[in-house]
N, C-alpha and C. Protein backbone atom coordinates (compact mmCIF):
# COMPACT_ATOMS: atom_id res chain seq x y z
N UNK A 1 17.52 8.72 97.55
CA UNK A 1 18.78 8.93 98.22
C UNK A 1 18.59 8.85 99.71
N UNK A 2 19.66 8.65 100.41
CA UNK A 2 19.63 8.49 101.86
C UNK A 2 20.22 9.73 102.51
N UNK A 3 19.55 10.23 103.53
CA UNK A 3 20.00 11.43 104.22
C UNK A 3 20.34 11.05 105.66
N UNK A 4 21.56 11.37 106.06
CA UNK A 4 22.00 11.13 107.42
C UNK A 4 22.26 12.48 108.06
N UNK A 5 21.59 12.74 109.16
CA UNK A 5 21.76 14.00 109.87
C UNK A 5 22.47 13.75 111.19
N UNK A 6 23.45 14.58 111.49
CA UNK A 6 24.10 14.53 112.78
C UNK A 6 24.65 15.90 113.11
N UNK A 7 24.93 16.11 114.37
CA UNK A 7 25.40 17.40 114.84
C UNK A 7 26.85 17.27 115.28
N UNK A 8 27.66 18.25 114.92
CA UNK A 8 29.04 18.28 115.37
C UNK A 8 29.33 19.64 115.99
N UNK A 9 30.37 19.67 116.78
CA UNK A 9 30.80 20.91 117.41
C UNK A 9 32.25 21.16 117.05
N UNK A 10 32.64 22.41 117.04
CA UNK A 10 34.03 22.71 116.70
C UNK A 10 34.31 24.19 116.76
N UNK A 11 35.38 24.56 116.12
CA UNK A 11 35.81 25.95 116.11
C UNK A 11 36.64 26.23 114.87
N UNK A 12 36.91 27.50 114.64
CA UNK A 12 37.70 27.86 113.46
C UNK A 12 38.46 29.16 113.72
N UNK A 13 39.47 29.35 112.89
CA UNK A 13 40.20 30.60 112.87
C UNK A 13 40.24 31.06 111.42
N UNK A 14 39.94 32.33 111.21
CA UNK A 14 39.92 32.90 109.87
C UNK A 14 40.93 34.03 109.82
N UNK A 15 41.67 34.08 108.73
CA UNK A 15 42.61 35.17 108.50
C UNK A 15 42.27 35.73 107.13
N UNK A 16 42.06 37.04 107.07
CA UNK A 16 41.67 37.63 105.80
C UNK A 16 42.20 39.03 105.64
N UNK A 17 42.16 39.48 104.43
CA UNK A 17 42.57 40.85 104.12
C UNK A 17 41.68 41.44 103.06
N UNK A 18 41.52 42.74 103.12
CA UNK A 18 40.71 43.46 102.15
C UNK A 18 41.65 44.23 101.25
N UNK A 19 41.47 44.09 99.92
CA UNK A 19 42.42 44.68 98.99
C UNK A 19 41.87 45.83 98.17
N UNK A 20 40.61 45.73 97.75
CA UNK A 20 40.08 46.75 96.85
C UNK A 20 38.57 46.81 96.96
N UNK A 21 38.04 47.93 97.44
CA UNK A 21 36.59 48.19 97.51
C UNK A 21 35.80 47.02 98.11
N UNK A 22 36.25 46.49 99.21
CA UNK A 22 35.54 45.40 99.88
C UNK A 22 35.95 44.01 99.44
N UNK A 23 36.66 43.90 98.33
CA UNK A 23 37.10 42.60 97.83
C UNK A 23 38.40 42.20 98.52
N UNK A 24 38.47 40.96 98.95
CA UNK A 24 39.67 40.49 99.64
C UNK A 24 39.81 38.99 99.52
N UNK A 25 40.67 38.46 100.37
CA UNK A 25 40.91 37.01 100.41
C UNK A 25 40.81 36.55 101.85
N UNK A 26 40.53 35.26 102.01
CA UNK A 26 40.33 34.71 103.35
C UNK A 26 40.85 33.28 103.39
N UNK A 27 41.46 32.91 104.51
CA UNK A 27 41.85 31.53 104.78
C UNK A 27 41.11 31.09 106.04
N UNK A 28 40.53 29.89 106.00
CA UNK A 28 39.73 29.37 107.11
C UNK A 28 40.25 27.99 107.47
N UNK A 29 40.63 27.81 108.72
CA UNK A 29 41.02 26.51 109.24
C UNK A 29 40.03 26.16 110.33
N UNK A 30 39.33 25.04 110.16
CA UNK A 30 38.26 24.66 111.08
C UNK A 30 38.43 23.21 111.53
N UNK A 31 38.00 22.94 112.76
CA UNK A 31 38.01 21.59 113.29
C UNK A 31 36.64 21.25 113.85
N UNK A 32 36.19 20.00 113.62
CA UNK A 32 34.87 19.56 114.04
C UNK A 32 34.97 18.20 114.71
N UNK A 33 34.07 17.92 115.63
CA UNK A 33 34.00 16.62 116.28
C UNK A 33 32.54 16.22 116.41
N UNK A 34 32.27 14.94 116.13
CA UNK A 34 30.93 14.39 116.33
C UNK A 34 31.07 13.03 117.00
N UNK A 35 30.27 12.80 118.02
CA UNK A 35 30.28 11.52 118.72
C UNK A 35 29.68 10.41 117.88
N UNK A 36 28.65 10.75 117.05
CA UNK A 36 27.89 9.74 116.35
C UNK A 36 27.57 10.24 114.95
N UNK A 37 28.53 10.09 114.03
CA UNK A 37 28.36 10.65 112.69
C UNK A 37 27.53 9.79 111.75
N UNK A 38 27.42 8.51 112.02
CA UNK A 38 26.71 7.63 111.09
C UNK A 38 25.50 6.95 111.70
N UNK A 39 25.07 7.40 112.85
CA UNK A 39 23.96 6.79 113.59
C UNK A 39 24.25 5.33 113.93
N UNK A 40 25.54 4.96 114.01
CA UNK A 40 25.95 3.61 114.37
C UNK A 40 27.05 3.68 115.44
N UNK A 41 27.02 4.69 116.27
CA UNK A 41 28.02 4.90 117.32
C UNK A 41 29.44 4.99 116.79
N UNK A 42 29.61 5.57 115.61
CA UNK A 42 30.93 5.82 115.04
C UNK A 42 31.11 7.33 114.99
N UNK A 43 32.18 7.81 115.60
CA UNK A 43 32.43 9.25 115.63
C UNK A 43 33.14 9.73 114.38
N UNK A 44 33.37 11.03 114.33
CA UNK A 44 34.10 11.64 113.22
C UNK A 44 34.78 12.90 113.73
N UNK A 45 36.06 13.02 113.42
CA UNK A 45 36.80 14.26 113.62
C UNK A 45 37.22 14.74 112.25
N UNK A 46 37.11 16.04 111.99
CA UNK A 46 37.45 16.57 110.68
C UNK A 46 38.10 17.94 110.83
N UNK A 47 39.14 18.16 110.02
CA UNK A 47 39.79 19.46 109.93
C UNK A 47 39.72 19.89 108.47
N UNK A 48 39.27 21.12 108.24
CA UNK A 48 39.24 21.66 106.88
C UNK A 48 40.16 22.87 106.81
N UNK A 49 40.82 23.02 105.68
CA UNK A 49 41.66 24.18 105.39
C UNK A 49 41.23 24.70 104.03
N UNK A 50 40.61 25.88 104.00
CA UNK A 50 40.09 26.43 102.75
C UNK A 50 40.58 27.86 102.56
N UNK A 51 40.58 28.31 101.31
CA UNK A 51 41.07 29.63 100.95
C UNK A 51 40.30 30.13 99.74
N UNK A 52 40.07 31.45 99.68
CA UNK A 52 39.41 32.00 98.51
C UNK A 52 39.00 33.45 98.69
N UNK A 53 38.19 33.96 97.75
CA UNK A 53 37.79 35.36 97.79
C UNK A 53 36.68 35.63 98.81
N UNK A 54 36.69 36.86 99.30
CA UNK A 54 35.65 37.32 100.23
C UNK A 54 35.26 38.74 99.82
N UNK A 55 33.98 39.05 99.96
CA UNK A 55 33.52 40.41 99.73
C UNK A 55 32.90 40.93 101.02
N UNK A 56 33.31 42.13 101.44
CA UNK A 56 32.82 42.75 102.67
C UNK A 56 32.15 44.07 102.31
N UNK A 57 30.91 44.23 102.77
CA UNK A 57 30.17 45.47 102.51
C UNK A 57 29.77 46.08 103.83
N UNK A 58 30.17 47.34 104.04
CA UNK A 58 29.83 48.08 105.25
C UNK A 58 29.05 49.32 104.85
N UNK A 59 27.75 49.36 105.12
CA UNK A 59 26.97 50.56 104.79
C UNK A 59 27.52 51.78 105.54
N UNK A 60 27.48 52.92 104.90
CA UNK A 60 27.98 54.15 105.51
C UNK A 60 27.24 54.45 106.81
N UNK A 61 27.97 54.85 107.83
CA UNK A 61 27.42 55.25 109.14
C UNK A 61 26.63 54.13 109.83
N UNK A 62 26.98 52.90 109.57
CA UNK A 62 26.34 51.75 110.23
C UNK A 62 27.39 51.03 111.06
N UNK A 63 26.93 50.35 112.06
CA UNK A 63 27.83 49.59 112.92
C UNK A 63 27.86 48.11 112.54
N UNK A 64 27.40 47.79 111.33
CA UNK A 64 27.41 46.39 110.91
C UNK A 64 28.08 46.25 109.55
N UNK A 65 28.59 45.05 109.30
CA UNK A 65 29.22 44.70 108.02
C UNK A 65 28.63 43.37 107.56
N UNK A 66 28.45 43.25 106.27
CA UNK A 66 27.95 42.01 105.68
C UNK A 66 29.07 41.41 104.83
N UNK A 67 29.23 40.10 104.87
CA UNK A 67 30.28 39.48 104.09
C UNK A 67 29.78 38.19 103.44
N UNK A 68 30.45 37.84 102.36
CA UNK A 68 30.19 36.58 101.68
C UNK A 68 31.52 36.03 101.18
N UNK A 69 31.64 34.72 101.13
CA UNK A 69 32.89 34.12 100.66
C UNK A 69 32.64 32.81 99.92
N UNK A 70 33.61 32.44 99.09
CA UNK A 70 33.60 31.17 98.35
C UNK A 70 35.01 30.61 98.48
N UNK A 71 35.16 29.53 99.26
CA UNK A 71 36.47 29.01 99.61
C UNK A 71 36.63 27.57 99.14
N UNK A 72 37.82 27.20 98.73
CA UNK A 72 38.13 25.82 98.33
C UNK A 72 39.37 25.36 99.07
N UNK A 73 39.47 24.05 99.26
CA UNK A 73 40.63 23.50 99.94
C UNK A 73 40.49 22.02 100.18
N UNK A 74 40.92 21.61 101.38
CA UNK A 74 40.99 20.19 101.70
C UNK A 74 40.28 19.89 103.01
N UNK A 75 39.68 18.71 103.08
CA UNK A 75 39.08 18.19 104.31
C UNK A 75 39.84 16.94 104.72
N UNK A 76 40.19 16.85 105.98
CA UNK A 76 40.88 15.68 106.53
C UNK A 76 40.00 15.07 107.60
N UNK A 77 39.51 13.86 107.35
CA UNK A 77 38.69 13.15 108.32
C UNK A 77 39.53 12.10 109.04
N UNK A 78 39.27 11.92 110.33
CA UNK A 78 40.02 10.92 111.10
C UNK A 78 39.19 10.47 112.29
N UNK A 79 39.66 9.43 112.98
CA UNK A 79 38.94 8.82 114.11
C UNK A 79 37.54 8.39 113.71
N UNK A 80 37.43 7.79 112.53
CA UNK A 80 36.15 7.33 112.02
C UNK A 80 36.38 6.09 111.16
N UNK A 81 35.38 5.67 110.41
CA UNK A 81 35.52 4.55 109.49
C UNK A 81 35.19 5.05 108.09
N UNK A 82 36.18 4.95 107.20
CA UNK A 82 36.02 5.37 105.81
C UNK A 82 36.21 4.14 104.93
N UNK A 83 35.13 3.62 104.32
CA UNK A 83 35.24 2.41 103.51
C UNK A 83 36.08 2.65 102.26
N UNK A 84 36.82 1.63 101.86
CA UNK A 84 37.64 1.72 100.67
C UNK A 84 37.64 0.39 99.94
N UNK A 85 38.34 0.32 98.84
CA UNK A 85 38.43 -0.91 98.05
C UNK A 85 39.25 -1.92 98.84
N UNK A 86 38.62 -2.99 99.25
CA UNK A 86 39.32 -4.04 99.96
C UNK A 86 39.39 -3.87 101.47
N UNK A 87 39.41 -2.66 101.96
CA UNK A 87 39.53 -2.44 103.41
C UNK A 87 39.05 -1.05 103.76
N UNK A 88 38.75 -0.88 105.04
CA UNK A 88 38.35 0.43 105.54
C UNK A 88 39.56 1.10 106.20
N UNK A 89 39.51 2.41 106.29
CA UNK A 89 40.58 3.18 106.90
C UNK A 89 40.01 4.07 107.99
N UNK A 90 40.84 4.48 108.93
CA UNK A 90 40.37 5.39 109.98
C UNK A 90 40.62 6.85 109.62
N UNK A 91 41.29 7.10 108.47
CA UNK A 91 41.55 8.47 108.01
C UNK A 91 41.23 8.59 106.52
N UNK A 92 40.91 9.80 106.09
CA UNK A 92 40.66 10.07 104.66
C UNK A 92 40.81 11.56 104.41
N UNK A 93 41.19 11.90 103.18
CA UNK A 93 41.32 13.29 102.74
C UNK A 93 40.43 13.51 101.54
N UNK A 94 39.92 14.75 101.38
CA UNK A 94 39.09 15.03 100.22
C UNK A 94 39.09 16.52 99.92
N UNK A 95 38.52 16.84 98.80
CA UNK A 95 38.26 18.22 98.39
C UNK A 95 37.22 18.84 99.34
N UNK A 96 37.32 20.14 99.59
CA UNK A 96 36.33 20.86 100.40
C UNK A 96 35.94 22.15 99.67
N UNK A 97 34.66 22.44 99.65
CA UNK A 97 34.12 23.67 99.08
C UNK A 97 33.22 24.30 100.13
N UNK A 98 33.48 25.57 100.44
CA UNK A 98 32.71 26.28 101.47
C UNK A 98 32.19 27.59 100.89
N UNK A 99 30.87 27.77 100.90
CA UNK A 99 30.24 28.99 100.39
C UNK A 99 29.28 29.51 101.44
N UNK A 100 29.36 30.80 101.75
CA UNK A 100 28.46 31.35 102.76
C UNK A 100 28.71 32.81 103.02
N UNK A 101 28.23 33.26 104.18
CA UNK A 101 28.39 34.65 104.56
C UNK A 101 27.81 34.91 105.92
N UNK A 102 27.81 36.19 106.30
CA UNK A 102 27.29 36.52 107.61
C UNK A 102 27.29 38.00 107.90
N UNK A 103 27.13 38.32 109.18
CA UNK A 103 27.01 39.71 109.65
C UNK A 103 27.94 39.91 110.84
N UNK A 104 28.72 40.99 110.80
CA UNK A 104 29.57 41.41 111.91
C UNK A 104 29.03 42.72 112.47
N UNK A 105 29.01 42.85 113.80
CA UNK A 105 28.57 44.08 114.47
C UNK A 105 29.74 44.71 115.19
N UNK A 106 29.94 46.01 114.99
CA UNK A 106 31.06 46.73 115.62
C UNK A 106 30.81 46.89 117.11
N UNK A 107 31.82 46.55 117.91
CA UNK A 107 31.77 46.73 119.36
C UNK A 107 32.68 47.90 119.73
N UNK A 108 33.91 47.86 119.23
CA UNK A 108 34.89 48.94 119.39
C UNK A 108 35.59 49.10 118.05
N UNK A 109 36.56 50.00 118.01
CA UNK A 109 37.23 50.32 116.75
C UNK A 109 37.79 49.08 116.04
N UNK A 110 38.46 48.20 116.75
CA UNK A 110 39.06 47.01 116.15
C UNK A 110 38.39 45.70 116.55
N UNK A 111 37.33 45.78 117.30
CA UNK A 111 36.66 44.59 117.82
C UNK A 111 35.24 44.50 117.26
N UNK A 112 34.93 43.33 116.68
CA UNK A 112 33.61 43.10 116.10
C UNK A 112 33.04 41.84 116.72
N UNK A 113 31.73 41.75 116.71
CA UNK A 113 31.03 40.55 117.13
C UNK A 113 30.44 39.90 115.88
N UNK A 114 30.85 38.66 115.60
CA UNK A 114 30.25 37.93 114.48
C UNK A 114 28.90 37.43 114.97
N UNK A 115 27.86 38.18 114.63
CA UNK A 115 26.51 37.87 115.11
C UNK A 115 25.97 36.60 114.48
N UNK A 116 26.33 36.36 113.22
CA UNK A 116 25.77 35.20 112.51
C UNK A 116 26.65 34.88 111.31
N UNK A 117 26.90 33.60 111.12
CA UNK A 117 27.56 33.12 109.90
C UNK A 117 26.91 31.80 109.51
N UNK A 118 26.60 31.65 108.25
CA UNK A 118 26.03 30.40 107.73
C UNK A 118 26.82 30.01 106.49
N UNK A 119 27.27 28.76 106.45
CA UNK A 119 28.06 28.25 105.34
C UNK A 119 27.56 26.88 104.91
N UNK A 120 27.64 26.63 103.61
CA UNK A 120 27.45 25.29 103.07
C UNK A 120 28.85 24.74 102.85
N UNK A 121 29.15 23.59 103.43
CA UNK A 121 30.45 22.95 103.29
C UNK A 121 30.24 21.59 102.62
N UNK A 122 30.83 21.43 101.45
CA UNK A 122 30.74 20.17 100.71
C UNK A 122 32.08 19.45 100.80
N UNK A 123 32.05 18.19 101.24
CA UNK A 123 33.24 17.36 101.28
C UNK A 123 32.95 16.08 100.50
N UNK A 124 34.02 15.34 100.20
CA UNK A 124 33.88 14.10 99.42
C UNK A 124 34.65 12.96 100.09
N UNK A 125 34.41 12.76 101.36
CA UNK A 125 35.05 11.67 102.09
C UNK A 125 34.35 10.35 101.77
N UNK A 126 35.08 9.24 101.71
CA UNK A 126 34.45 7.94 101.43
C UNK A 126 33.40 7.60 102.48
N UNK A 127 32.20 7.15 102.00
CA UNK A 127 31.14 6.81 102.95
C UNK A 127 30.29 5.63 102.50
N UNK A 128 30.74 4.84 101.54
CA UNK A 128 30.04 3.66 101.04
C UNK A 128 28.68 3.99 100.42
N UNK A 129 28.47 5.22 100.04
CA UNK A 129 27.22 5.63 99.39
C UNK A 129 27.60 6.50 98.20
N UNK A 130 27.43 7.80 98.29
CA UNK A 130 27.76 8.71 97.20
C UNK A 130 29.13 9.36 97.37
N UNK A 131 29.76 9.18 98.53
CA UNK A 131 31.05 9.82 98.85
C UNK A 131 30.96 11.35 98.81
N UNK A 132 29.79 11.89 99.06
CA UNK A 132 29.58 13.33 99.10
C UNK A 132 28.86 13.67 100.40
N UNK A 133 29.35 14.70 101.08
CA UNK A 133 28.69 15.18 102.29
C UNK A 133 28.37 16.67 102.09
N UNK A 134 27.14 17.04 102.35
CA UNK A 134 26.70 18.43 102.31
C UNK A 134 26.43 18.84 103.74
N UNK A 135 27.25 19.76 104.25
CA UNK A 135 27.17 20.17 105.64
C UNK A 135 26.70 21.62 105.73
N UNK A 136 25.92 21.93 106.74
CA UNK A 136 25.52 23.30 107.04
C UNK A 136 26.26 23.72 108.30
N UNK A 137 27.03 24.80 108.20
CA UNK A 137 27.75 25.32 109.35
C UNK A 137 27.10 26.61 109.81
N UNK A 138 26.80 26.69 111.09
CA UNK A 138 26.28 27.91 111.70
C UNK A 138 27.28 28.33 112.77
N UNK A 139 27.63 29.61 112.80
CA UNK A 139 28.66 30.05 113.72
C UNK A 139 28.40 31.47 114.22
N UNK A 140 29.04 31.79 115.32
CA UNK A 140 29.08 33.14 115.89
C UNK A 140 30.41 33.26 116.61
N UNK A 141 30.87 34.47 116.85
CA UNK A 141 32.16 34.61 117.52
C UNK A 141 32.63 36.05 117.60
N UNK A 142 33.95 36.19 117.75
CA UNK A 142 34.60 37.48 117.91
C UNK A 142 35.55 37.70 116.74
N UNK A 143 35.57 38.92 116.21
CA UNK A 143 36.46 39.29 115.11
C UNK A 143 37.35 40.41 115.60
N UNK A 144 38.67 40.25 115.41
CA UNK A 144 39.64 41.29 115.76
C UNK A 144 40.24 41.77 114.46
N UNK A 145 40.20 43.06 114.22
CA UNK A 145 40.75 43.65 112.99
C UNK A 145 42.06 44.34 113.29
N UNK A 146 43.05 44.12 112.42
CA UNK A 146 44.37 44.72 112.56
C UNK A 146 44.60 45.64 111.37
N UNK A 147 44.00 46.80 111.36
CA UNK A 147 44.23 47.75 110.26
C UNK A 147 44.34 49.14 110.77
């Protein structure tokens, strides 16, 4: 098999709620950009919208929380080249699966620092090979809680 590695940058917004003993739901909307996604000076922009269950565990008397999630949804690729039957397109849509987790550190009562998040993101955009992309997402940021 052929492995193509490239780096992209982007951001995301997550909205979630906790319903019962750490179990909850989460929606994640993320956007990514890469200047050179295929090592042939072809860029890629992608937006994913995923939703699914999340589990949050906060040890008693600790200032940290651990979470894990399994999300499904859609990936929208654009500003790139997606091969198809008879012709190529500059846009494509596919299934998206995101599985991962991370650590949040309490800063104040409603403010947390996302110290680390790692996710595996699988998409199935056309690529003239297997039409499967396995992406590793690493992130950090700020979490605001409204409870």
